[in-house]
Amino acid sequence: MSQNRKTHSPAFKAKVALAALKGDQTVAELASQFQVHPSRIHAWKKVLVEGAQELFQDGHGQQKPNEALIAQLYQQIGQLTVERDFLQRGHAA
C-alpha cells in the first residue's frame, strides 16, 4: 500500500519554522494547527537556525546567485545555439 506524501512549499516550511522558533506555542500545538508531524517541525526549525548565518555572510543580506542554476542555464544556452546554427545551415543549403 503506498502512502500519499504531501509536499510543502518553502514558504510554508519557513512559516512553520518561524512559528516554532517564536515559541508562543508548543510543537504539538503547531503540529495540530498546521497538520504536520512534530518531527518535521523540529527538522524545519533546525534548517532555519543553521541556515540563518548564511543570510548575513556576504553583502549584508544580499542573495548570492545560485551557481548551479547559472551553469545549467549557460549549458542550455549553448545547446540551443548549436541547434539553431545547425538548423540555419540546413536552410542555407
N, C-alpha and C. Protein backbone atom coordinates (compact mmCIF):
# COMPACT_ATOMS: atom_id res chain seq x y z
N MET A 1 0.85 -1.17 0.00
CA MET A 1 0.00 0.00 0.00
C MET A 1 0.90 1.24 0.00
N SER A 2 0.68 2.16 -0.92
CA SER A 2 1.52 3.35 -1.00
C SER A 2 0.90 4.50 -0.20
N GLN A 3 1.80 5.29 0.36
CA GLN A 3 1.35 6.46 1.11
C GLN A 3 1.40 7.67 0.21
N ASN A 4 0.43 8.55 0.35
CA ASN A 4 0.46 9.81 -0.36
C ASN A 4 1.22 10.81 0.49
N ARG A 5 2.36 11.21 0.00
CA ARG A 5 3.17 12.16 0.75
C ARG A 5 2.84 13.55 0.30
N LYS A 6 2.64 14.42 1.26
CA LYS A 6 2.30 15.80 0.98
C LYS A 6 3.58 16.60 0.89
N THR A 7 3.73 17.37 -0.16
CA THR A 7 4.90 18.23 -0.28
C THR A 7 4.49 19.64 0.12
N HIS A 8 5.37 20.27 0.85
CA HIS A 8 5.09 21.61 1.35
C HIS A 8 6.01 22.61 0.67
N SER A 9 5.49 23.79 0.43
CA SER A 9 6.27 24.83 -0.21
C SER A 9 7.31 25.37 0.76
N PRO A 10 8.38 25.95 0.23
CA PRO A 10 9.38 26.57 1.10
C PRO A 10 8.78 27.67 1.99
N ALA A 11 7.82 28.39 1.45
CA ALA A 11 7.17 29.45 2.23
C ALA A 11 6.42 28.87 3.43
N PHE A 12 5.74 27.75 3.21
CA PHE A 12 5.01 27.10 4.30
C PHE A 12 5.98 26.60 5.37
N LYS A 13 7.08 25.97 4.91
CA LYS A 13 8.07 25.46 5.85
C LYS A 13 8.66 26.59 6.68
N ALA A 14 8.95 27.71 6.02
CA ALA A 14 9.51 28.86 6.74
C ALA A 14 8.51 29.40 7.76
N LYS A 15 7.25 29.45 7.38
CA LYS A 15 6.20 29.94 8.28
C LYS A 15 6.11 29.07 9.53
N VAL A 16 6.12 27.76 9.34
CA VAL A 16 6.01 26.83 10.46
C VAL A 16 7.27 26.90 11.32
N ALA A 17 8.45 26.95 10.68
CA ALA A 17 9.71 27.01 11.42
C ALA A 17 9.81 28.30 12.23
N LEU A 18 9.38 29.40 11.66
CA LEU A 18 9.40 30.68 12.39
C LEU A 18 8.44 30.64 13.58
N ALA A 19 7.28 30.03 13.38
CA ALA A 19 6.33 29.89 14.49
C ALA A 19 6.92 29.04 15.61
N ALA A 20 7.65 27.99 15.24
CA ALA A 20 8.29 27.13 16.25
C ALA A 20 9.40 27.89 16.96
N LEU A 21 10.15 28.67 16.21
CA LEU A 21 11.24 29.45 16.78
C LEU A 21 10.72 30.53 17.72
N LYS A 22 9.59 31.07 17.37
CA LYS A 22 8.97 32.12 18.20
C LYS A 22 8.67 31.60 19.60
N GLY A 23 8.17 30.38 19.70
CA GLY A 23 7.96 29.75 20.99
C GLY A 23 6.66 30.08 21.69
N ASP A 24 5.71 30.70 21.00
CA ASP A 24 4.42 31.02 21.62
C ASP A 24 3.56 29.77 21.81
N GLN A 25 3.79 28.77 20.96
CA GLN A 25 3.02 27.53 21.04
C GLN A 25 4.00 26.37 21.11
N THR A 26 3.51 25.27 21.65
CA THR A 26 4.35 24.07 21.68
C THR A 26 4.40 23.45 20.29
N VAL A 27 5.36 22.57 20.09
CA VAL A 27 5.48 21.88 18.82
C VAL A 27 4.23 21.04 18.56
N ALA A 28 3.70 20.44 19.60
CA ALA A 28 2.48 19.64 19.45
C ALA A 28 1.31 20.51 18.98
N GLU A 29 1.20 21.70 19.53
CA GLU A 29 0.14 22.61 19.11
C GLU A 29 0.33 23.04 17.65
N LEU A 30 1.57 23.33 17.28
CA LEU A 30 1.86 23.71 15.91
C LEU A 30 1.59 22.56 14.94
N ALA A 31 1.95 21.35 15.35
CA ALA A 31 1.72 20.18 14.51
C ALA A 31 0.22 20.00 14.26
N SER A 32 -0.57 20.20 15.26
CA SER A 32 -2.02 20.09 15.11
C SER A 32 -2.55 21.23 14.24
N GLN A 33 -2.06 22.42 14.46
CA GLN A 33 -2.53 23.59 13.72
C GLN A 33 -2.20 23.49 12.23
N PHE A 34 -0.97 23.09 11.91
CA PHE A 34 -0.51 23.06 10.53
C PHE A 34 -0.64 21.68 9.87
N GLN A 35 -1.11 20.68 10.61
CA GLN A 35 -1.32 19.33 10.10
C GLN A 35 -0.03 18.70 9.57
N VAL A 36 1.05 18.83 10.34
CA VAL A 36 2.32 18.20 10.00
C VAL A 36 2.84 17.46 11.23
N HIS A 37 3.72 16.51 11.00
CA HIS A 37 4.29 15.73 12.10
C HIS A 37 5.27 16.60 12.90
N PRO A 38 5.29 16.44 14.22
CA PRO A 38 6.21 17.24 15.04
C PRO A 38 7.69 17.10 14.64
N SER A 39 8.09 15.93 14.16
CA SER A 39 9.48 15.76 13.75
C SER A 39 9.81 16.64 12.55
N ARG A 40 8.84 16.86 11.66
CA ARG A 40 9.03 17.76 10.52
C ARG A 40 9.28 19.19 11.02
N ILE A 41 8.51 19.59 12.02
CA ILE A 41 8.66 20.94 12.57
C ILE A 41 10.05 21.10 13.18
N HIS A 42 10.50 20.10 13.92
CA HIS A 42 11.85 20.17 14.50
C HIS A 42 12.91 20.26 13.40
N ALA A 43 12.74 19.48 12.34
CA ALA A 43 13.71 19.48 11.23
C ALA A 43 13.73 20.83 10.53
N TRP A 44 12.56 21.40 10.26
CA TRP A 44 12.49 22.70 9.58
C TRP A 44 13.07 23.81 10.45
N LYS A 45 12.82 23.71 11.74
CA LYS A 45 13.37 24.71 12.66
C LYS A 45 14.89 24.63 12.68
N LYS A 46 15.42 23.41 12.67
CA LYS A 46 16.87 23.22 12.66
C LYS A 46 17.49 23.80 11.39
N VAL A 47 16.85 23.56 10.25
CA VAL A 47 17.34 24.10 8.97
C VAL A 47 17.33 25.63 9.01
N LEU A 48 16.28 26.19 9.56
CA LEU A 48 16.17 27.65 9.66
C LEU A 48 17.28 28.23 10.52
N VAL A 49 17.50 27.64 11.67
CA VAL A 49 18.51 28.15 12.60
C VAL A 49 19.91 28.00 12.00
N GLU A 50 20.20 26.84 11.40
CA GLU A 50 21.52 26.61 10.84
C GLU A 50 21.77 27.43 9.58
N GLY A 51 20.73 27.73 8.82
CA GLY A 51 20.89 28.48 7.58
C GLY A 51 20.84 29.98 7.75
N ALA A 52 20.44 30.46 8.90
CA ALA A 52 20.30 31.89 9.11
C ALA A 52 21.64 32.62 8.99
N GLN A 53 22.71 31.99 9.38
CA GLN A 53 24.03 32.62 9.32
C GLN A 53 24.42 32.96 7.89
N GLU A 54 24.04 32.13 6.95
CA GLU A 54 24.39 32.35 5.54
C GLU A 54 23.75 33.61 4.98
N LEU A 55 22.62 34.02 5.53
CA LEU A 55 21.94 35.20 5.03
C LEU A 55 22.76 36.47 5.25
N PHE A 56 23.62 36.46 6.26
CA PHE A 56 24.34 37.67 6.63
C PHE A 56 25.83 37.61 6.33
N GLN A 57 26.27 36.61 5.57
CA GLN A 57 27.70 36.46 5.32
C GLN A 57 28.24 37.50 4.36
N ASP A 58 27.70 37.60 3.16
CA ASP A 58 28.23 38.50 2.14
C ASP A 58 27.21 39.58 1.80
N GLY A 59 27.66 40.80 1.73
CA GLY A 59 26.81 41.87 1.23
C GLY A 59 25.65 42.25 2.13
N HIS A 60 25.75 42.02 3.39
CA HIS A 60 24.72 42.42 4.35
C HIS A 60 23.33 41.91 3.96
N GLY A 61 23.24 40.63 3.68
CA GLY A 61 21.95 40.01 3.41
C GLY A 61 21.60 39.90 1.94
N GLN A 62 22.45 40.37 1.03
CA GLN A 62 22.15 40.24 -0.38
C GLN A 62 22.30 38.78 -0.78
N GLN A 63 21.44 38.36 -1.68
CA GLN A 63 21.48 36.97 -2.11
C GLN A 63 22.64 36.74 -3.06
N LYS A 64 23.30 35.60 -2.90
CA LYS A 64 24.35 35.19 -3.82
C LYS A 64 23.67 34.42 -4.95
N PRO A 65 24.12 34.62 -6.18
CA PRO A 65 23.49 33.88 -7.28
C PRO A 65 23.70 32.38 -7.13
N ASN A 66 22.73 31.65 -7.53
CA ASN A 66 22.80 30.19 -7.46
C ASN A 66 23.69 29.71 -8.60
N GLU A 67 24.92 29.33 -8.28
CA GLU A 67 25.91 28.97 -9.28
C GLU A 67 25.51 27.74 -10.09
N ALA A 68 24.85 26.80 -9.46
CA ALA A 68 24.42 25.60 -10.18
C ALA A 68 23.37 25.95 -11.23
N LEU A 69 22.45 26.82 -10.88
CA LEU A 69 21.42 27.24 -11.82
C LEU A 69 22.04 28.00 -12.98
N ILE A 70 22.99 28.88 -12.69
CA ILE A 70 23.65 29.65 -13.74
C ILE A 70 24.38 28.72 -14.70
N ALA A 71 25.09 27.73 -14.17
CA ALA A 71 25.79 26.77 -15.02
C ALA A 71 24.82 26.01 -15.90
N GLN A 72 23.70 25.61 -15.34
CA GLN A 72 22.70 24.87 -16.10
C GLN A 72 22.12 25.75 -17.21
N LEU A 73 21.87 27.01 -16.92
CA LEU A 73 21.33 27.92 -17.93
C LEU A 73 22.33 28.17 -19.05
N TYR A 74 23.61 28.34 -18.71
CA TYR A 74 24.64 28.52 -19.74
C TYR A 74 24.73 27.28 -20.63
N GLN A 75 24.60 26.10 -20.04
CA GLN A 75 24.63 24.86 -20.81
C GLN A 75 23.45 24.82 -21.77
N GLN A 76 22.29 25.21 -21.28
CA GLN A 76 21.10 25.21 -22.12
C GLN A 76 21.24 26.24 -23.26
N ILE A 77 21.80 27.40 -22.97
CA ILE A 77 22.02 28.41 -24.00
C ILE A 77 22.96 27.87 -25.07
N GLY A 78 24.03 27.21 -24.65
CA GLY A 78 24.96 26.62 -25.60
C GLY A 78 24.30 25.58 -26.49
N GLN A 79 23.48 24.73 -25.88
CA GLN A 79 22.80 23.69 -26.65
C GLN A 79 21.84 24.31 -27.66
N LEU A 80 21.09 25.31 -27.25
CA LEU A 80 20.15 25.96 -28.15
C LEU A 80 20.87 26.69 -29.29
N THR A 81 22.03 27.27 -28.98
CA THR A 81 22.82 27.94 -30.01
C THR A 81 23.30 26.96 -31.06
N VAL A 82 23.79 25.80 -30.62
CA VAL A 82 24.24 24.77 -31.56
C VAL A 82 23.08 24.29 -32.42
N GLU A 83 21.93 24.05 -31.81
CA GLU A 83 20.77 23.61 -32.57
C GLU A 83 20.32 24.66 -33.58
N ARG A 84 20.31 25.91 -33.18
CA ARG A 84 19.91 26.99 -34.09
C ARG A 84 20.87 27.07 -35.27
N ASP A 85 22.16 27.03 -34.98
CA ASP A 85 23.16 27.09 -36.06
C ASP A 85 23.01 25.91 -37.02
N PHE A 86 22.75 24.73 -36.49
CA PHE A 86 22.57 23.55 -37.33
C PHE A 86 21.35 23.71 -38.24
N LEU A 87 20.26 24.21 -37.67
CA LEU A 87 19.05 24.39 -38.46
C LEU A 87 19.21 25.49 -39.51
N GLN A 88 19.96 26.53 -39.18
CA GLN A 88 20.19 27.60 -40.14
C GLN A 88 21.01 27.08 -41.32
N ARG A 89 21.99 26.22 -41.06
CA ARG A 89 22.80 25.65 -42.13
C ARG A 89 21.94 24.76 -43.03
N GLY A 90 20.96 24.12 -42.49
CA GLY A 90 20.07 23.26 -43.27
C GLY A 90 19.23 24.07 -44.25
N HIS A 91 18.82 25.27 -43.87
CA HIS A 91 18.03 26.12 -44.75
C HIS A 91 18.89 26.77 -45.83
N ALA A 92 20.17 27.01 -45.53
CA ALA A 92 21.06 27.69 -46.47
C ALA A 92 21.44 26.76 -47.62
N ALA A 93 21.40 25.47 -47.42
CA ALA A 93 21.83 24.52 -48.45
C ALA A 93 20.82 24.30 -49.51
